[in-house]
Amino acid sequence: MARLLITALLCVLLASCQAPQALPASAIVSPIAPPTATLPTLPPTPTTTLTPTPTPTPDPLAGWTLTEKIGQLLIVAPEAITDDPTAVTSHAKQAYAAVPVGGFILFQSNMTSQAQVKQLTKDLRHLSTQKLWIATDLEGGGVNRFGTMAFTDVPWAAQMAKAGTPDDVRATYAEMGRQLREDWDMDVNFAPVADVFSNPNNTVIGRRAFGTTGEQAAPYVAAAVAGLHDAAVLCAIKHFPGHGDTAQDSHAGAATTDKTLAEMEAMEFLPFVAGIDASADMVMVAHVLTPNVTTDGLPATLSREMITGVLREKLGYNGVVITDAMNMKAITSFYTADEAAVMALEAGVDIVLMPDNCITAMAGIQAAVAEGRLTEARIDESVRRVLALKEGRSLSATIN
């Protein structure tokens, strides 16, 4: 019996040690893979480009007094502020502080020798902390402020045009400019003449003009402008709207032209347009009455209709406008120095040349601003034109 029990127990143990039977395929559960989550695509983070704040351009007139501004609009002869026309004295230094003009024009009375002139121009420039022009009139022929010291062989404009080409005139004016700049320390020449000698009874222009028709004179005016620019000398074409048709001389009194605007456009304006197209630095306006063009009865120098209406708006000239000398009889016989200076600025002029009394002119302009007749913004407009021209081409920055 015992043997039977042992045998049965062994059978049970052997059965439990056999390999397990394989489960059917349907019962096998595959391992579960972790879920793969699809994240939404986010837009790229924008990159912020910082635009640097531009540095404001310094205002060239910041800190300027009204007196300093007005001074830039005046050019005078040394005699206007000095007791010695050939030297800068202590009196001149005191006078300049009251009337700090923007430039000086030299005549034969201011010149005794080349060395004296160079010392005078140097001392005049040292009066100012701003660039200061030294100018003269050098056209050729009889319009020569140097006497026998220089330029005696330069012919009249009419002779230049008759004997040579515009290229020859350019070369002549370039040499004139070179000598003005290098030998005499001057940086402005109130030339060339752009008038047309169209009236044989005219006594003020004559041989100073390059021709008797606008077409004839125009290319020579442009050439003269280019020649002075070749020498880095500033120029002024003159005497707008044309002084070659008048029978009178504005140096001695009132002068009138009866030309209509259409007639001027076909004749007198042609050389001025040529000079402007050649980048003339200034246009000098004459004290000429134009009753068939303007209605204000004023000489062109004081006429807003002529300067602003015709020269600036019709001809499109945006540069510096300068008067002819304001001590001429065409002005002084009818206007005081202060009234003439104010009227010129009202008309659109930028520079008043040689007022009959520069102290009176300065005071008149100051009073006009105080009274509201002229705004300081109007003064600033002209000062900015003048300073832009001085920065663009001027020797005064290089003269020690």
Protein backbone atom coordinates (compact mmCIF):
# COMPACT_ATOMS: atom_id res chain seq x y z
CA MET A 1 0.00 0.00 0.00
CA ALA A 2 2.69 2.34 1.01
CA ARG A 3 4.51 1.51 -2.23
CA LEU A 4 1.41 2.42 -4.24
CA LEU A 5 1.15 5.86 -2.57
CA ILE A 6 4.75 6.65 -3.23
CA THR A 7 4.33 5.69 -6.86
CA ALA A 8 1.28 7.90 -7.23
CA LEU A 9 3.05 10.86 -5.67
CA LEU A 10 6.00 10.52 -8.06
CA CYS A 11 3.67 10.57 -11.05
CA VAL A 12 2.11 13.82 -9.89
CA LEU A 13 5.50 15.44 -9.41
CA LEU A 14 6.72 14.38 -12.85
CA ALA A 15 3.60 15.80 -14.49
CA SER A 16 4.09 19.21 -12.87
CA CYS A 17 7.66 19.47 -14.19
CA GLN A 18 6.70 19.17 -17.91
CA ALA A 19 6.98 22.34 -20.19
CA PRO A 20 3.84 24.43 -20.33
CA GLN A 21 1.70 24.15 -23.43
CA ALA A 22 1.80 27.11 -25.86
CA LEU A 23 -1.17 29.45 -25.80
CA PRO A 24 -3.17 29.87 -28.96
CA ALA A 25 -2.19 32.91 -31.07
CA SER A 26 -5.53 34.52 -30.38
CA ALA A 27 -4.74 34.56 -26.73
CA ILE A 28 -1.42 36.36 -27.09
CA VAL A 29 -1.66 40.06 -26.34
CA SER A 30 0.97 42.22 -28.09
CA PRO A 31 2.81 44.72 -25.86
CA ILE A 32 1.23 48.16 -25.97
CA ALA A 33 3.50 50.82 -27.47
CA PRO A 34 3.46 54.17 -25.73
CA PRO A 35 1.27 56.67 -27.54
CA THR A 36 3.04 59.07 -29.90
CA ALA A 37 1.51 62.49 -29.34
CA THR A 38 1.62 64.92 -32.33
CA LEU A 39 2.31 68.37 -30.95
CA PRO A 40 0.94 71.38 -32.84
CA THR A 41 3.48 73.31 -34.93
CA LEU A 42 4.10 76.67 -33.30
CA PRO A 43 4.89 79.76 -35.43
CA PRO A 44 8.50 80.87 -35.28
CA THR A 45 9.26 83.42 -32.63
CA PRO A 46 9.44 86.77 -34.41
CA THR A 47 12.80 88.53 -34.33
CA THR A 48 12.51 92.18 -33.40
CA THR A 49 14.77 94.42 -35.50
CA LEU A 50 15.45 97.58 -33.58
CA THR A 51 15.69 100.65 -35.83
CA PRO A 52 18.24 103.00 -34.34
CA THR A 53 16.91 106.46 -33.65
CA PRO A 54 18.60 108.80 -36.12
CA THR A 55 20.85 111.39 -34.60
CA PRO A 56 19.21 114.76 -35.22
CA THR A 57 21.21 117.07 -37.47
CA PRO A 58 22.45 119.99 -35.41
CA ASP A 59 20.77 123.25 -36.35
CA PRO A 60 23.54 125.48 -37.76
CA LEU A 61 21.71 128.51 -36.35
CA ALA A 62 21.35 127.15 -32.83
CA GLY A 63 22.58 129.73 -30.37
CA TRP A 64 22.83 132.54 -32.93
CA THR A 65 21.60 135.96 -31.93
CA LEU A 66 19.41 137.98 -34.26
CA THR A 67 22.28 140.43 -34.73
CA GLU A 68 24.61 137.63 -35.82
CA LYS A 69 22.02 136.34 -38.27
CA ILE A 70 21.39 139.74 -39.82
CA GLY A 71 25.13 140.32 -40.10
CA GLN A 72 25.41 137.34 -42.47
CA LEU A 73 23.07 139.18 -44.83
CA LEU A 74 25.34 142.22 -45.16
CA ILE A 75 28.49 142.68 -47.23
CA VAL A 76 30.27 146.01 -46.87
CA ALA A 77 33.50 147.79 -47.77
CA PRO A 78 36.06 147.94 -44.95
CA GLU A 79 35.43 151.68 -44.61
CA ALA A 80 32.00 150.88 -43.23
CA ILE A 81 33.50 149.67 -39.96
CA THR A 82 37.09 150.89 -39.86
CA ASP A 83 38.83 154.24 -39.61
CA ASP A 84 41.58 152.95 -41.90
CA PRO A 85 40.42 151.50 -45.26
CA THR A 86 43.63 149.53 -45.67
CA ALA A 87 44.00 147.88 -42.25
CA VAL A 88 42.05 146.37 -39.38
CA THR A 89 42.39 148.63 -36.35
CA SER A 90 41.06 148.38 -32.80
CA HIS A 91 38.21 150.63 -33.95
CA ALA A 92 37.31 148.07 -36.60
CA LYS A 93 37.23 145.27 -34.05
CA GLN A 94 34.81 147.22 -31.85
CA ALA A 95 32.62 148.19 -34.79
CA TYR A 96 32.50 144.63 -36.09
CA ALA A 97 31.18 143.38 -32.75
CA ALA A 98 28.14 145.65 -33.26
CA VAL A 99 27.71 144.84 -36.95
CA PRO A 100 29.16 141.34 -37.57
CA VAL A 101 28.86 141.39 -41.36
CA GLY A 102 29.19 138.25 -43.44
CA GLY A 103 31.75 139.61 -45.87
CA PHE A 104 33.73 142.50 -47.26
CA ILE A 105 34.20 143.87 -50.77
CA LEU A 106 37.54 145.43 -51.65
CA PHE A 107 38.16 148.32 -54.03
CA GLN A 108 41.29 150.10 -55.17
CA SER A 109 41.03 152.39 -52.13
CA ASN A 110 41.61 149.32 -49.95
CA MET A 111 44.74 148.15 -51.80
CA THR A 112 48.25 149.52 -51.74
CA SER A 113 50.29 146.36 -52.39
CA GLN A 114 49.87 142.63 -52.60
CA ALA A 115 51.41 142.11 -49.16
CA GLN A 116 49.11 144.72 -47.63
CA VAL A 117 46.03 143.17 -49.24
CA LYS A 118 46.91 139.69 -48.00
CA GLN A 119 47.41 141.02 -44.48
CA LEU A 120 44.12 142.93 -44.68
CA THR A 121 42.14 139.91 -45.86
CA LYS A 122 43.69 137.75 -43.14
CA ASP A 123 42.88 140.30 -40.42
CA LEU A 124 39.35 140.83 -41.72
CA ARG A 125 38.67 137.10 -41.56
CA HIS A 126 39.97 136.94 -38.01
CA LEU A 127 37.26 139.38 -36.94
CA SER A 128 34.69 136.61 -37.18
CA THR A 129 34.31 133.10 -35.80
CA GLN A 130 32.14 132.35 -38.87
CA LYS A 131 33.30 132.02 -42.44
CA LEU A 132 33.69 135.47 -43.91
CA TRP A 133 33.81 136.27 -47.61
CA ILE A 134 36.31 138.60 -49.23
CA ALA A 135 34.96 139.81 -52.57
CA THR A 136 35.80 142.14 -55.40
CA ASP A 137 34.60 143.21 -58.85
CA LEU A 138 36.85 141.84 -61.56
CA GLU A 139 35.21 141.68 -64.97
CA GLY A 140 38.09 142.63 -67.23
CA GLY A 141 38.76 145.79 -69.16
CA GLY A 142 38.09 148.89 -67.10
CA VAL A 143 36.34 147.09 -64.26
CA ASN A 144 39.44 146.20 -62.30
CA ARG A 145 39.82 147.17 -58.63
CA PHE A 146 43.55 146.40 -58.52
CA GLY A 147 44.78 149.43 -60.43
CA THR A 148 48.12 148.71 -62.03
CA MET A 149 48.99 145.93 -59.56
CA ALA A 150 47.26 143.10 -61.44
CA PHE A 151 44.91 142.03 -64.23
CA THR A 152 45.82 144.94 -66.50
CA ASP A 153 45.98 142.66 -69.56
CA VAL A 154 42.46 141.21 -69.15
CA PRO A 155 40.27 142.56 -72.00
CA TRP A 156 36.69 143.74 -71.86
CA ALA A 157 34.03 141.05 -72.10
CA ALA A 158 33.01 142.24 -75.56
CA GLN A 159 36.62 141.89 -76.71
CA MET A 160 36.87 138.39 -75.21
CA ALA A 161 33.77 137.27 -77.09
CA LYS A 162 34.90 138.85 -80.36
CA ALA A 163 38.38 137.34 -80.24
CA GLY A 164 37.77 133.94 -78.72
CA THR A 165 35.46 131.03 -78.06
CA PRO A 166 33.56 130.24 -74.87
CA ASP A 167 36.39 127.83 -74.01
CA ASP A 168 38.83 130.73 -74.25
CA VAL A 169 36.66 132.79 -71.91
CA ARG A 170 36.49 129.90 -69.48
CA ALA A 171 40.28 129.70 -69.44
CA THR A 172 40.58 133.45 -68.92
CA TYR A 173 38.16 133.48 -66.01
CA ALA A 174 39.80 130.42 -64.50
CA GLU A 175 43.14 132.20 -64.50
CA MET A 176 41.56 135.34 -63.06
CA GLY A 177 40.01 133.22 -60.34
CA ARG A 178 43.26 131.40 -59.62
CA GLN A 179 45.09 134.67 -59.10
CA LEU A 180 42.31 136.09 -56.94
CA ARG A 181 42.44 133.03 -54.76
CA GLU A 182 46.15 132.31 -54.57
CA ASP A 183 47.72 135.76 -54.90
CA TRP A 184 45.13 137.96 -53.18
CA ASP A 185 43.26 135.62 -50.79
CA MET A 186 39.84 136.48 -52.22
CA ASP A 187 37.04 133.97 -52.69
CA VAL A 188 34.17 135.86 -54.36
CA ASN A 189 34.14 137.69 -57.68
CA PHE A 190 31.04 139.74 -58.50
CA ALA A 191 31.21 138.76 -62.16
CA PRO A 192 30.49 137.98 -64.96
CA VAL A 193 28.19 140.54 -66.49
CA ALA A 194 25.13 138.77 -67.92
CA ASP A 195 23.58 141.90 -69.39
CA VAL A 196 22.92 142.26 -73.10
CA PHE A 197 24.15 145.49 -74.69
CA SER A 198 20.95 145.95 -76.68
CA ASN A 199 20.55 149.73 -76.44
CA PRO A 200 23.27 151.77 -78.17
CA ASN A 201 22.39 154.71 -75.92
CA ASN A 202 23.25 152.68 -72.82
CA THR A 203 26.31 154.06 -71.06
CA VAL A 204 26.63 151.76 -68.04
CA ILE A 205 27.10 148.36 -69.74
CA GLY A 206 28.56 148.74 -73.24
CA ARG A 207 31.77 146.70 -73.57
CA ARG A 208 31.13 145.01 -70.22
CA ALA A 209 28.63 142.72 -71.98
CA PHE A 210 29.61 139.64 -73.98
CA GLY A 211 27.16 140.46 -76.76
CA THR A 212 24.38 142.52 -78.25
CA THR A 213 21.90 139.64 -78.30
CA GLY A 214 20.93 137.12 -75.68
CA GLU A 215 21.95 134.21 -77.88
CA GLN A 216 25.38 135.71 -78.42
CA ALA A 217 26.09 136.47 -74.75
CA ALA A 218 24.65 133.32 -73.14
CA PRO A 219 27.42 130.77 -73.86
CA TYR A 220 30.12 133.20 -72.75
CA VAL A 221 28.35 133.87 -69.45
CA ALA A 222 28.12 130.14 -68.78
CA ALA A 223 31.80 129.75 -69.67
CA ALA A 224 32.85 132.54 -67.31
CA VAL A 225 30.90 130.93 -64.47
CA ALA A 226 32.58 127.61 -65.16
CA GLY A 227 36.01 129.24 -65.26
CA LEU A 228 35.63 130.83 -61.83
CA HIS A 229 34.38 127.52 -60.47
CA ASP A 230 37.46 125.83 -61.93
CA ALA A 231 39.45 128.08 -59.59
CA ALA A 232 37.11 127.46 -56.61
CA VAL A 233 35.96 131.09 -56.62
CA LEU A 234 32.34 132.06 -56.13
CA CYS A 235 30.61 134.19 -58.73
CA ALA A 236 27.60 136.44 -59.15
CA ILE A 237 25.94 136.94 -62.53
CA LYS A 238 24.68 140.48 -62.89
CA HIS A 239 22.59 142.72 -63.26
CA PHE A 240 19.20 140.96 -63.27
CA PRO A 241 16.76 141.49 -64.99
CA GLY A 242 19.14 143.25 -67.35
CA HIS A 243 20.76 146.69 -67.37
CA GLY A 244 21.86 146.76 -70.99
CA ASP A 245 18.65 148.23 -72.38
CA THR A 246 18.36 151.24 -70.07
CA ALA A 247 19.24 154.71 -71.23
CA GLN A 248 20.17 155.71 -67.68
CA ASP A 249 22.88 154.65 -65.24
CA SER A 250 21.62 153.46 -61.84
CA HIS A 251 24.86 154.68 -60.26
CA ALA A 252 23.64 158.21 -60.95
CA GLY A 253 19.86 157.87 -60.47
CA ALA A 254 16.77 155.98 -61.49
CA ALA A 255 17.13 153.69 -64.50
CA THR A 256 14.24 152.20 -66.50
CA THR A 257 13.71 149.58 -69.14
CA ASP A 258 10.42 149.54 -71.05
CA LYS A 259 10.80 145.91 -72.13
CA THR A 260 7.85 143.57 -71.54
CA LEU A 261 8.27 140.22 -69.83
CA ALA A 262 7.99 138.43 -73.18
CA GLU A 263 10.69 140.66 -74.66
CA MET A 264 12.96 140.03 -71.66
CA GLU A 265 12.42 136.29 -71.91
CA ALA A 266 13.49 136.40 -75.55
CA MET A 267 16.54 138.62 -74.95
CA GLU A 268 17.69 139.74 -71.49
CA PHE A 269 16.94 136.54 -69.60
CA LEU A 270 18.85 134.18 -71.90
CA PRO A 271 22.34 134.85 -70.45
CA PHE A 272 20.96 134.68 -66.91
CA VAL A 273 19.32 131.33 -67.59
CA ALA A 274 22.61 130.09 -69.07
CA GLY A 275 24.49 131.26 -65.99
CA ILE A 276 21.97 129.67 -63.64
CA ASP A 277 22.18 126.42 -65.59
CA ALA A 278 25.96 126.59 -65.16
CA SER A 279 25.39 126.72 -61.36
CA ALA A 280 26.05 130.40 -60.77
CA ASP A 281 26.45 130.93 -57.03
CA MET A 282 24.57 134.22 -56.83
CA VAL A 283 22.38 136.44 -58.94
CA MET A 284 22.93 140.17 -58.46
CA VAL A 285 19.81 142.27 -58.95
CA ALA A 286 19.91 145.76 -60.46
CA HIS A 287 18.18 148.94 -59.33
CA VAL A 288 16.23 149.00 -62.59
CA LEU A 289 12.56 149.95 -62.93
CA THR A 290 10.51 147.60 -65.12
CA PRO A 291 7.06 149.25 -65.52
CA ASN A 292 5.93 146.84 -68.25
CA VAL A 293 6.76 143.79 -66.14
CA THR A 294 5.91 144.72 -62.56
CA THR A 295 3.09 146.80 -61.13
CA ASP A 296 4.68 147.92 -57.85
CA GLY A 297 6.67 150.83 -59.31
CA LEU A 298 9.82 149.66 -57.49
CA PRO A 299 13.35 149.04 -58.74
CA ALA A 300 13.99 145.34 -59.22
CA THR A 301 16.15 145.24 -56.10
CA LEU A 302 13.14 146.06 -53.93
CA SER A 303 10.43 144.38 -56.00
CA ARG A 304 8.89 141.17 -54.70
CA GLU A 305 7.16 140.79 -58.05
CA MET A 306 10.53 140.71 -59.81
CA ILE A 307 12.69 138.79 -57.32
CA THR A 308 10.24 136.28 -55.92
CA GLY A 309 7.71 136.24 -58.76
CA VAL A 310 10.03 136.24 -61.77
CA LEU A 311 13.52 135.22 -60.68
CA ARG A 312 12.61 132.58 -58.12
CA GLU A 313 9.23 131.30 -59.26
CA LYS A 314 9.26 131.79 -63.04
CA LEU A 315 12.95 131.08 -63.67
CA GLY A 316 13.19 128.58 -60.81
CA TYR A 317 16.27 130.09 -59.18
CA ASN A 318 16.71 128.94 -55.57
CA GLY A 319 20.20 130.22 -54.86
CA VAL A 320 21.52 133.34 -53.20
CA VAL A 321 20.17 136.68 -54.42
CA ILE A 322 22.31 139.73 -53.75
CA THR A 323 21.57 143.38 -54.43
CA ASP A 324 23.72 145.67 -56.48
CA ALA A 325 25.49 148.21 -54.26
CA MET A 326 22.83 149.93 -52.17
CA ASN A 327 24.81 153.17 -51.93
CA MET A 328 24.05 153.94 -55.58
CA LYS A 329 21.91 156.99 -56.36
CA ALA A 330 19.05 154.89 -57.73
CA ILE A 331 18.47 153.82 -54.10
CA THR A 332 19.85 156.59 -51.90
CA SER A 333 17.92 159.30 -53.77
CA PHE A 334 14.62 157.71 -52.77
CA TYR A 335 15.14 155.46 -49.73
CA THR A 336 16.95 155.54 -46.41
CA ALA A 337 19.48 152.81 -45.68
CA ASP A 338 17.22 151.05 -43.19
CA GLU A 339 14.08 151.16 -45.34
CA ALA A 340 15.95 149.97 -48.43
CA ALA A 341 17.49 147.04 -46.56
CA VAL A 342 14.14 145.94 -45.13
CA MET A 343 12.38 146.27 -48.49
CA ALA A 344 15.09 144.20 -50.19
CA LEU A 345 14.61 141.36 -47.70
CA GLU A 346 10.84 141.61 -48.06
CA ALA A 347 11.28 141.25 -51.82
CA GLY A 348 13.26 138.01 -51.45
CA VAL A 349 16.87 139.23 -51.41
CA ASP A 350 19.38 137.28 -49.30
CA ILE A 351 22.34 139.69 -49.15
CA VAL A 352 22.28 143.47 -49.01
CA LEU A 353 25.48 144.75 -50.61
CA MET A 354 27.04 147.98 -49.36
CA PRO A 355 24.11 149.67 -47.64
CA ASP A 356 24.65 153.42 -47.45
CA ASN A 357 25.03 153.03 -43.68
CA CYS A 358 25.44 149.50 -42.39
CA ILE A 359 24.68 150.43 -38.76
CA THR A 360 21.41 152.04 -39.82
CA ALA A 361 20.58 149.08 -42.06
CA MET A 362 21.24 146.63 -39.22
CA ALA A 363 19.05 148.63 -36.83
CA GLY A 364 16.28 148.87 -39.42
CA ILE A 365 16.18 145.12 -39.96
CA GLN A 366 16.20 144.48 -36.22
CA ALA A 367 13.28 146.89 -35.79
CA ALA A 368 11.36 145.27 -38.65
CA VAL A 369 11.65 141.89 -36.91
CA ALA A 370 10.60 143.36 -33.55
CA GLU A 371 7.57 144.98 -35.17
CA GLY A 372 6.59 141.84 -37.08
CA ARG A 373 7.17 143.36 -40.49
CA LEU A 374 9.85 140.71 -41.05
CA THR A 375 9.79 137.38 -39.24
CA GLU A 376 12.89 135.79 -37.81
CA ALA A 377 11.99 132.75 -39.91
CA ARG A 378 12.39 134.95 -43.00
CA ILE A 379 15.82 136.03 -41.77
CA ASP A 380 16.74 132.41 -41.09
CA GLU A 381 15.74 131.41 -44.62
CA SER A 382 18.34 133.73 -46.13
CA VAL A 383 20.99 132.95 -43.52
CA ARG A 384 20.65 129.25 -44.29
CA ARG A 385 21.16 129.92 -48.00
CA VAL A 386 24.25 131.99 -47.29
CA LEU A 387 25.75 129.46 -44.88
CA ALA A 388 25.06 126.59 -47.29
CA LEU A 389 26.97 128.46 -49.99
CA LYS A 390 29.82 129.23 -47.62
CA GLU A 391 30.07 125.59 -46.61
CA GLY A 392 29.90 124.42 -50.20
CA ARG A 393 32.73 126.43 -51.68
CA SER A 394 34.69 129.01 -49.73
CA LEU A 395 38.33 129.71 -49.12
CA SER A 396 37.81 131.34 -45.75
CA ALA A 397 37.96 127.97 -44.02
CA THR A 398 41.47 127.43 -45.32
CA ILE A 399 42.96 130.88 -44.75
CA ASN A 400 44.95 131.06 -41.51
